[in-house]
PDB file of N, CA and C in Angstrom:
ATOM      1  N   MET A   1      81.006  39.991  79.700  1.00  0.00           N
ATOM      2  CA  MET A   1      79.671  39.010  79.729  1.00  0.00           C
ATOM      3  C   MET A   1      80.086  37.682  81.039  1.00  0.00           C
ATOM      4  N   SER A   2      78.947  37.638  81.915  1.00  0.00           N
ATOM      5  CA  SER A   2      79.817  36.296  82.676  1.00  0.00           C
ATOM      6  C   SER A   2      78.379  35.300  83.072  1.00  0.00           C
ATOM      7  N   GLY A   3      78.500  33.809  83.126  1.00  0.00           N
ATOM      8  CA  GLY A   3      77.857  33.184  82.633  1.00  0.00           C
ATOM      9  C   GLY A   3      76.685  32.684  81.762  1.00  0.00           C
ATOM     10  N   GLU A   4      75.450  31.802  81.933  1.00  0.00           N
ATOM     11  CA  GLU A   4      74.966  32.100  80.027  1.00  0.00           C
ATOM     12  C   GLU A   4      73.794  32.631  80.474  1.00  0.00           C
ATOM     13  N   MET A   5      73.254  33.176  79.370  1.00  0.00           N
ATOM     14  CA  MET A   5      71.921  33.769  79.342  1.00  0.00           C
ATOM     15  C   MET A   5      70.152  32.612  78.867  1.00  0.00           C
ATOM     16  N   THR A   6      69.462  32.911  78.921  1.00  0.00           N
ATOM     17  CA  THR A   6      68.444  31.859  78.162  1.00  0.00           C
ATOM     18  C   THR A   6      67.239  33.184  77.804  1.00  0.00           C
ATOM     19  N   ALA A   7      66.182  32.303  77.200  1.00  0.00           N
ATOM     20  CA  ALA A   7      64.929  33.456  76.635  1.00  0.00           C
ATOM     21  C   ALA A   7      64.568  32.428  76.004  1.00  0.00           C
ATOM     22  N   THR A   8      62.986  32.290  76.204  1.00  0.00           N
ATOM     23  CA  THR A   8      61.735  31.536  75.520  1.00  0.00           C
ATOM     24  C   THR A   8      60.714  32.262  75.086  1.00  0.00           C
ATOM     25  N   VAL A   9      60.819  32.519  73.740  1.00  0.00           N
ATOM     26  CA  VAL A   9      59.835  33.244  73.410  1.00  0.00           C
ATOM     27  C   VAL A   9      58.957  32.385  72.440  1.00  0.00           C
ATOM     28  N   GLY A  10      57.472  31.675  72.821  1.00  0.00           N
ATOM     29  CA  GLY A  10      56.800  30.235  71.787  1.00  0.00           C
ATOM     30  C   GLY A  10      57.678  28.933  72.095  1.00  0.00           C
ATOM     31  N   ARG A  11      57.985  28.592  70.844  1.00  0.00           N
ATOM     32  CA  ARG A  11      57.882  27.400  71.025  1.00  0.00           C
ATOM     33  C   ARG A  11      59.962  27.361  70.788  1.00  0.00           C
ATOM     34  N   ASP A  12      60.396  28.827  70.772  1.00  0.00           N
ATOM     35  CA  ASP A  12      62.401  28.831  71.002  1.00  0.00           C
ATOM     36  C   ASP A  12      62.717  28.994  71.927  1.00  0.00           C
ATOM     37  N   PHE A  13      64.149  28.508  71.914  1.00  0.00           N
ATOM     38  CA  PHE A  13      64.799  28.645  73.493  1.00  0.00           C
ATOM     39  C   PHE A  13      66.096  29.107  72.851  1.00  0.00           C
ATOM     40  N   TYR A  14      66.255  30.265  73.410  1.00  0.00           N
ATOM     41  CA  TYR A  14      67.830  31.026  72.918  1.00  0.00           C
ATOM     42  C   TYR A  14      68.299  30.586  73.983  1.00  0.00           C
ATOM     43  N   VAL A  15      69.847  30.330  74.033  1.00  0.00           N
ATOM     44  CA  VAL A  15      70.849  30.529  74.874  1.00  0.00           C
ATOM     45  C   VAL A  15      71.987  31.030  74.301  1.00  0.00           C
ATOM     46  N   PHE A  16      72.863  31.822  74.636  1.00  0.00           N
ATOM     47  CA  PHE A  16      74.045  32.319  74.556  1.00  0.00           C
ATOM     48  C   PHE A  16      74.939  32.422  75.880  1.00  0.00           C
ATOM     49  N   ASP A  17      76.282  31.854  75.471  1.00  0.00           N
ATOM     50  CA  ASP A  17      77.637  31.453  76.801  1.00  0.00           C
ATOM     51  C   ASP A  17      78.052  32.886  76.173  1.00  0.00           C
ATOM     52  N   GLY A  18      78.151  33.799  75.529  1.00  0.00           N
ATOM     53  CA  GLY A  18      79.275  34.985  75.330  1.00  0.00           C
ATOM     54  C   GLY A  18      80.095  34.975  73.950  1.00  0.00           C
ATOM     55  N   ARG A  19      79.964  33.412  73.648  1.00  0.00           N
ATOM     56  CA  ARG A  19      80.542  33.040  72.163  1.00  0.00           C
ATOM     57  C   ARG A  19      79.273  32.714  71.325  1.00  0.00           C
ATOM     58  N   VAL A  20      78.962  31.397  71.710  1.00  0.00           N
ATOM     59  CA  VAL A  20      77.739  31.386  70.827  1.00  0.00           C
ATOM     60  C   VAL A  20      76.412  31.108  71.516  1.00  0.00           C
ATOM     61  N   LEU A  21      75.774  31.394  70.555  1.00  0.00           N
ATOM     62  CA  LEU A  21      74.501  31.700  69.999  1.00  0.00           C
ATOM     63  C   LEU A  21      73.858  30.193  69.996  1.00  0.00           C
ATOM     64  N   GLU A  22      72.873  29.444  70.549  1.00  0.00           N
ATOM     65  CA  GLU A  22      72.262  28.638  70.005  1.00  0.00           C
ATOM     66  C   GLU A  22      70.508  28.645  69.976  1.00  0.00           C
ATOM     67  N   ILE A  23      69.798  28.301  69.179  1.00  0.00           N
ATOM     68  CA  ILE A  23      68.367  28.416  69.467  1.00  0.00           C
ATOM     69  C   ILE A  23      67.718  26.994  68.870  1.00  0.00           C
ATOM     70  N   PHE A  24      66.843  26.364  70.093  1.00  0.00           N
ATOM     71  CA  PHE A  24      66.375  25.508  69.454  1.00  0.00           C
ATOM     72  C   PHE A  24      64.999  25.556  69.403  1.00  0.00           C
ATOM     73  N   GLY A  25      64.148  25.251  68.758  1.00  0.00           N
ATOM     74  CA  GLY A  25      62.588  25.040  68.450  1.00  0.00           C
ATOM     75  C   GLY A  25      62.451  24.495  66.882  1.00  0.00           C
ATOM     76  N   HIS A  26      61.311  23.877  67.141  1.00  0.00           N
ATOM     77  CA  HIS A  26      60.888  23.667  65.730  1.00  0.00           C
ATOM     78  C   HIS A  26      61.605  22.318  65.263  1.00  0.00           C
ATOM     79  N   GLY A  27      61.998  21.250  65.885  1.00  0.00           N
ATOM     80  CA  GLY A  27      62.286  20.596  66.133  1.00  0.00           C
ATOM     81  C   GLY A  27      64.051  20.577  65.119  1.00  0.00           C
ATOM     82  N   ASN A  28      64.549  21.820  65.366  1.00  0.00           N
ATOM     83  CA  ASN A  28      65.914  21.841  65.639  1.00  0.00           C
ATOM     84  C   ASN A  28      66.776  22.682  65.981  1.00  0.00           C
ATOM     85  N   ALA A  29      68.406  22.667  65.576  1.00  0.00           N
ATOM     86  CA  ALA A  29      68.875  23.476  66.462  1.00  0.00           C
ATOM     87  C   ALA A  29      70.281  24.388  65.469  1.00  0.00           C
ATOM     88  N   ILE A  30      69.914  25.624  65.685  1.00  0.00           N
ATOM     89  CA  ILE A  30      70.918  26.134  65.003  1.00  0.00           C
ATOM     90  C   ILE A  30      71.997  27.226  65.762  1.00  0.00           C
ATOM     91  N   ARG A  31      73.283  27.176  65.291  1.00  0.00           N
ATOM     92  CA  ARG A  31      74.069  28.103  66.401  1.00  0.00           C
ATOM     93  C   ARG A  31      75.160  28.796  65.615  1.00  0.00           C
ATOM     94  N   PHE A  32      75.390  29.948  66.433  1.00  0.00           N
ATOM     95  CA  PHE A  32      75.829  31.132  65.503  1.00  0.00           C
ATOM     96  C   PHE A  32      76.830  31.327  66.346  1.00  0.00           C
ATOM     97  N   HIS A  33      78.351  31.631  66.229  1.00  0.00           N
ATOM     98  CA  HIS A  33      79.498  32.234  66.768  1.00  0.00           C
ATOM     99  C   HIS A  33      79.473  33.461  66.757  1.00  0.00           C
ATOM    100  N   VAL A  34      80.000  34.005  67.613  1.00  0.00           N
ATOM    101  CA  VAL A  34      79.897  35.541  67.747  1.00  0.00           C
ATOM    102  C   VAL A  34      80.891  36.306  66.520  1.00  0.00           C
ATOM    103  N   ARG A  35      82.001  35.478  65.923  1.00  0.00           N
ATOM    104  CA  ARG A  35      82.568  36.339  65.262  1.00  0.00           C
ATOM    105  C   ARG A  35      82.258  35.837  63.752  1.00  0.00           C
ATOM    106  N   HIS A  36      81.582  35.009  63.347  1.00  0.00           N
ATOM    107  CA  HIS A  36      80.773  34.670  62.278  1.00  0.00           C
ATOM    108  C   HIS A  36      79.341  35.030  62.216  1.00  0.00           C
ATOM    109  N   MET A  37      78.682  35.865  62.807  1.00  0.00           N
ATOM    110  CA  MET A  37      77.274  36.486  62.828  1.00  0.00           C
ATOM    111  C   MET A  37      76.906  37.569  62.875  1.00  0.00           C
ATOM    112  N   HIS A  38      75.964  37.815  62.125  1.00  0.00           N
ATOM    113  CA  HIS A  38      75.120  39.436  62.655  1.00  0.00           C
ATOM    114  C   HIS A  38      73.850  39.397  62.480  1.00  0.00           C
ATOM    115  N   VAL A  39      73.433  39.778  63.545  1.00  0.00           N
ATOM    116  CA  VAL A  39      71.931  40.149  64.452  1.00  0.00           C
ATOM    117  C   VAL A  39      71.211  41.285  63.969  1.00  0.00           C
ATOM    118  N   ARG A  40      70.199  41.446  63.627  1.00  0.00           N
ATOM    119  CA  ARG A  40      69.148  42.862  63.717  1.00  0.00           C
ATOM    120  C   ARG A  40      68.122  42.651  63.883  1.00  0.00           C
ATOM    121  N   THR A  41      67.028  43.630  64.825  1.00  0.00           N
ATOM    122  CA  THR A  41      65.610  43.373  65.625  1.00  0.00           C
ATOM    123  C   THR A  41      65.330  44.440  64.929  1.00  0.00           C
ATOM    124  N   THR A  42      64.077  44.388  64.385  1.00  0.00           N
ATOM    125  CA  THR A  42      63.592  45.325  63.691  1.00  0.00           C
ATOM    126  C   THR A  42      62.313  45.874  64.945  1.00  0.00           C
ATOM    127  N   GLY A  43      61.459  46.874  64.493  1.00  0.00           N
ATOM    128  CA  GLY A  43      60.391  46.939  65.220  1.00  0.00           C
ATOM    129  C   GLY A  43      60.188  47.566  66.357  1.00  0.00           C
ATOM    130  N   PRO A  44      58.740  47.555  67.091  1.00  0.00           N
ATOM    131  CA  PRO A  44      57.616  47.211  66.423  1.00  0.00           C
ATOM    132  C   PRO A  44      57.276  47.769  65.591  1.00  0.00           C
ATOM    133  N   ASN A  45      56.397  46.775  64.667  1.00  0.00           N
ATOM    134  CA  ASN A  45      55.807  47.506  63.554  1.00  0.00           C
ATOM    135  C   ASN A  45      54.315  47.946  64.141  1.00  0.00           C
ATOM    136  N   ARG A  46      53.374  48.971  62.886  1.00  0.00           N
ATOM    137  CA  ARG A  46      52.151  49.319  63.269  1.00  0.00           C
ATOM    138  C   ARG A  46      51.210  48.037  64.086  1.00  0.00           C
ATOM    139  N   LYS A  47      51.430  46.908  64.030  1.00  0.00           N
ATOM    140  CA  LYS A  47      50.572  45.668  64.650  1.00  0.00           C
ATOM    141  C   LYS A  47      51.667  45.157  65.798  1.00  0.00           C
ATOM    142  N   GLY A  48      52.952  45.780  66.364  1.00  0.00           N
ATOM    143  CA  GLY A  48      53.401  45.458  67.662  1.00  0.00           C
ATOM    144  C   GLY A  48      54.385  44.403  66.941  1.00  0.00           C
ATOM    145  N   GLN A  49      54.382  43.511  65.884  1.00  0.00           N
ATOM    146  CA  GLN A  49      55.377  42.821  65.609  1.00  0.00           C
ATOM    147  C   GLN A  49      56.828  43.055  65.522  1.00  0.00           C
ATOM    148  N   ARG A  50      57.860  41.932  66.038  1.00  0.00           N
ATOM    149  CA  ARG A  50      59.277  42.190  66.119  1.00  0.00           C
ATOM    150  C   ARG A  50      59.714  41.027  65.142  1.00  0.00           C
ATOM    151  N   ILE A  51      60.918  41.512  64.331  1.00  0.00           N
ATOM    152  CA  ILE A  51      61.646  40.703  63.468  1.00  0.00           C
ATOM    153  C   ILE A  51      62.713  40.939  64.156  1.00  0.00           C
ATOM    154  N   VAL A  52      63.490  39.240  63.872  1.00  0.00           N
ATOM    155  CA  VAL A  52      64.878  38.939  64.712  1.00  0.00           C
ATOM    156  C   VAL A  52      65.325  38.084  63.333  1.00  0.00           C
ATOM    157  N   GLU A  53      66.395  38.759  62.857  1.00  0.00           N
ATOM    158  CA  GLU A  53      67.479  38.306  61.742  1.00  0.00           C
ATOM    159  C   GLU A  53      68.656  38.143  62.012  1.00  0.00           C
ATOM    160  N   ILE A  54      68.743  37.153  62.035  1.00  0.00           N
ATOM    161  CA  ILE A  54      70.077  36.598  62.389  1.00  0.00           C
ATOM    162  C   ILE A  54      71.044  35.569  61.245  1.00  0.00           C
ATOM    163  N   ALA A  55      72.020  36.186  60.521  1.00  0.00           N
ATOM    164  CA  ALA A  55      72.580  36.046  59.454  1.00  0.00           C
ATOM    165  C   ALA A  55      74.226  35.271  60.075  1.00  0.00           C
ATOM    166  N   HIS A  56      74.576  33.866  59.278  1.00  0.00           N
ATOM    167  CA  HIS A  56      75.392  33.802  59.017  1.00  0.00           C
ATOM    168  C   HIS A  56      76.352  34.562  58.390  1.00  0.00           C
ATOM    169  N   GLY A  57      77.585  34.682  59.256  1.00  0.00           N
ATOM    170  CA  GLY A  57      78.732  35.972  58.268  1.00  0.00           C
ATOM    171  C   GLY A  57      78.887  37.271  58.838  1.00  0.00           C
ATOM    172  N   ARG A  58      79.166  38.208  57.908  1.00  0.00           N
ATOM    173  CA  ARG A  58      79.701  39.883  58.987  1.00  0.00           C
ATOM    174  C   ARG A  58      78.347  40.750  58.125  1.00  0.00           C
ATOM    175  N   PRO A  59      77.944  41.611  58.402  1.00  0.00           N
ATOM    176  CA  PRO A  59      77.097  42.188  57.620  1.00  0.00           C
ATOM    177  C   PRO A  59      77.045  42.664  56.424  1.00  0.00           C
ATOM    178  N   GLU A  60      78.816  42.968  55.710  1.00  0.00           N
ATOM    179  CA  GLU A  60      79.452  43.366  54.407  1.00  0.00           C
ATOM    180  C   GLU A  60      79.274  42.187  53.891  1.00  0.00           C
ATOM    181  N   SER A  61      79.130  40.615  54.391  1.00  0.00           N
ATOM    182  CA  SER A  61      78.983  39.586  53.527  1.00  0.00           C
ATOM    183  C   SER A  61      78.216  38.407  54.182  1.00  0.00           C
ATOM    184  N   ARG A  62      77.152  39.203  54.225  1.00  0.00           N
ATOM    185  CA  ARG A  62      76.422  37.891  54.845  1.00  0.00           C
ATOM    186  C   ARG A  62      76.054  36.272  53.922  1.00  0.00           C
ATOM    187  N   GLY A  63      75.862  35.692  54.940  1.00  0.00           N
ATOM    188  CA  GLY A  63      75.577  33.926  54.471  1.00  0.00           C
ATOM    189  C   GLY A  63      74.222  34.141  54.636  1.00  0.00           C
ATOM    190  N   THR A  64      73.900  32.773  54.850  1.00  0.00           N
ATOM    191  CA  THR A  64      72.168  32.623  55.067  1.00  0.00           C
ATOM    192  C   THR A  64      71.654  32.793  56.145  1.00  0.00           C
ATOM    193  N   ILE A  65      70.499  33.543  55.876  1.00  0.00           N
ATOM    194  CA  ILE A  65      70.080  34.240  57.095  1.00  0.00           C
ATOM    195  C   ILE A  65      68.794  34.043  57.734  1.00  0.00           C
ATOM    196  N   HIS A  66      68.307  33.394  59.016  1.00  0.00           N
ATOM    197  CA  HIS A  66      67.542  32.830  59.871  1.00  0.00           C
ATOM    198  C   HIS A  66      66.248  34.210  59.971  1.00  0.00           C
ATOM    199  N   VAL A  67      65.629  33.959  60.139  1.00  0.00           N
ATOM    200  CA  VAL A  67      64.360  35.064  60.197  1.00  0.00           C
ATOM    201  C   VAL A  67      63.535  34.623  61.759  1.00  0.00           C
ATOM    202  N   TRP A  68      62.861  35.318  62.794  1.00  0.00           N
ATOM    203  CA  TRP A  68      61.751  34.394  63.526  1.00  0.00           C
ATOM    204  C   TRP A  68      61.091  36.300  63.452  1.00  0.00           C
ATOM    205  N   ARG A  69      59.716  35.729  63.385  1.00  0.00           N
ATOM    206  CA  ARG A  69      58.443  36.703  64.187  1.00  0.00           C
ATOM    207  C   ARG A  69      58.027  36.910  65.022  1.00  0.00           C
ATOM    208  N   TYR A  70      58.000  37.353  65.980  1.00  0.00           N
ATOM    209  CA  TYR A  70      57.474  37.581  67.034  1.00  0.00           C
ATOM    210  C   TYR A  70      55.934  38.824  66.869  1.00  0.00           C
ATOM    211  N   SER A  71      54.998  38.317  67.822  1.00  0.00           N
ATOM    212  CA  SER A  71      54.000  39.410  68.171  1.00  0.00           C
ATOM    213  C   SER A  71      54.099  39.780  69.255  1.00  0.00           C
ATOM    214  N   ALA A  72      53.526  40.807  69.316  1.00  0.00           N
ATOM    215  CA  ALA A  72      53.680  42.020  70.478  1.00  0.00           C
ATOM    216  C   ALA A  72      53.287  41.208  71.506  1.00  0.00           C
ATOM    217  N   ALA A  73      52.898  40.053  71.873  1.00  0.00           N
ATOM    218  CA  ALA A  73      52.156  39.264  72.999  1.00  0.00           C
ATOM    219  C   ALA A  73      53.303  38.631  73.377  1.00  0.00           C
ATOM    220  N   GLU A  74      54.388  37.592  72.098  1.00  0.00           N
ATOM    221  CA  GLU A  74      55.261  37.067  72.597  1.00  0.00           C
ATOM    222  C   GLU A  74      55.996  37.635  72.921  1.00  0.00           C
ATOM    223  N   TRP A  75      56.580  39.045  72.733  1.00  0.00           N
ATOM    224  CA  TRP A  75      57.386  40.004  72.773  1.00  0.00           C
ATOM    225  C   TRP A  75      57.920  40.029  74.010  1.00  0.00           C
ATOM    226  N   GLU A  76      56.443  40.664  74.687  1.00  0.00           N
ATOM    227  CA  GLU A  76      56.461  41.441  76.159  1.00  0.00           C
ATOM    228  C   GLU A  76      56.243  40.443  77.172  1.00  0.00           C
ATOM    229  N   GLN A  77      56.288  38.937  76.675  1.00  0.00           N
ATOM    230  CA  GLN A  77      56.266  37.310  77.323  1.00  0.00           C
ATOM    231  C   GLN A  77      57.560  37.212  78.125  1.00  0.00           C
ATOM    232  N   SER A  78      58.625  37.850  77.014  1.00  0.00           N
ATOM    233  CA  SER A  78      59.521  37.067  77.155  1.00  0.00           C
ATOM    234  C   SER A  78      60.691  38.477  77.288  1.00  0.00           C
ATOM    235  N   PRO A  79      61.063  39.078  77.968  1.00  0.00           N
ATOM    236  CA  PRO A  79      62.148  40.471  78.717  1.00  0.00           C
ATOM    237  C   PRO A  79      63.417  39.920  78.230  1.00  0.00           C
ATOM    238  N   ASP A  80      63.692  38.851  78.871  1.00  0.00           N
ATOM    239  CA  ASP A  80      64.464  37.949  78.378  1.00  0.00           C
ATOM    240  C   ASP A  80      65.216  37.996  77.155  1.00  0.00           C
ATOM    241  N   LEU A  81      64.684  38.099  76.417  1.00  0.00           N
ATOM    242  CA  LEU A  81      65.113  38.064  74.833  1.00  0.00           C
ATOM    243  C   LEU A  81      65.901  39.048  74.365  1.00  0.00           C
ATOM    244  N   ALA A  82      64.960  40.405  74.720  1.00  0.00           N
ATOM    245  CA  ALA A  82      66.059  42.107  74.935  1.00  0.00           C
ATOM    246  C   ALA A  82      67.065  41.652  75.136  1.00  0.00           C
ATOM    247  N   ALA A  83      66.825  41.894  75.913  1.00  0.00           N
ATOM    248  CA  ALA A  83      68.884  41.372  76.963  1.00  0.00           C
ATOM    249  C   ALA A  83      69.716  40.728  75.989  1.00  0.00           C
ATOM    250  N   LEU A  84      69.041  39.245  76.124  1.00  0.00           N
ATOM    251  CA  LEU A  84      70.144  38.624  75.371  1.00  0.00           C
ATOM    252  C   LEU A  84      70.457  39.108  74.238  1.00  0.00           C
ATOM    253  N   LEU A  85      69.713  39.244  72.994  1.00  0.00           N
ATOM    254  CA  LEU A  85      69.836  39.891  71.877  1.00  0.00           C
ATOM    255  C   LEU A  85      71.107  40.999  72.114  1.00  0.00           C
ATOM    256  N   GLN A  86      70.744  41.601  73.221  1.00  0.00           N
ATOM    257  CA  GLN A  86      71.561  43.307  72.868  1.00  0.00           C
ATOM    258  C   GLN A  86      73.246  42.559  73.364  1.00  0.00           C
ATOM    259  N   ALA A  87      73.182  41.439  74.339  1.00  0.00           N
ATOM    260  CA  ALA A  87      74.225  41.086  74.790  1.00  0.00           C
ATOM    261  C   ALA A  87      75.034  40.230  73.389  1.00  0.00           C
ATOM    262  N   VAL A  88      74.299  39.628  72.689  1.00  0.00           N
ATOM    263  CA  VAL A  88      74.813  39.254  71.480  1.00  0.00           C
ATOM    264  C   VAL A  88      75.479  39.801  70.512  1.00  0.00           C
ATOM    265  N   GLN A  89      74.735  41.079  70.652  1.00  0.00           N
ATOM    266  CA  GLN A  89      75.331  42.419  69.458  1.00  0.00           C
ATOM    267  C   GLN A  89      76.601  42.753  70.240  1.00  0.00           C
ATOM    268  N   THR A  90      76.749  43.055  71.547  1.00  0.00           N
ATOM    269  CA  THR A  90      77.302  43.664  72.103  1.00  0.00           C
ATOM    270  C   THR A  90      78.796  42.943  71.462  1.00  0.00           C
ATOM    271  N   ALA A  91      78.704  41.691  71.570  1.00  0.00           N
ATOM    272  CA  ALA A  91      79.530  40.355  71.566  1.00  0.00           C
ATOM    273  C   ALA A  91      80.022  40.159  69.969  1.00  0.00           C
ATOM    274  N   THR A  92      79.338  40.402  69.203  1.00  0.00           N
ATOM    275  CA  THR A  92      79.789  40.889  67.617  1.00  0.00           C
ATOM    276  C   THR A  92      80.009  42.093  67.422  1.00  0.00           C
ATOM    277  N   ALA A  93      80.630  42.925  68.112  1.00  0.00           N
ATOM    278  CA  ALA A  93      81.193  44.199  67.879  1.00  0.00           C
ATOM    279  C   ALA A  93      82.628  44.649  68.463  1.00  0.00           C
ATOM    280  N   PHE A  94      83.028  43.328  68.717  1.00  0.00           N
ATOM    281  CA  PHE A  94      84.258  42.652  68.926  1.00  0.00           C
ATOM    282  C   PHE A  94      85.445  42.758  68.315  1.00  0.00           C
TER     283      PHE A  94
END
């Protein structure tokens, strides 16, 4: 990946530079390093809602889990988020 990827969903702003994922929103910022995080996206459920879970640590020994829930409308308004999360998942696989 080259360059920085960004996505905005509601009040959340995601930034990924290939190594660090930062999420700004709700008055705080959270940082995750690709070598120490696990990302999971589920959905859509029957109401169209999608859930993004990002945990500090690896899948076999996860630490703190942060969860974001997005409605179908929010998800559709931010097509960049799916691409950004895919890039994060690709980076964490190495």
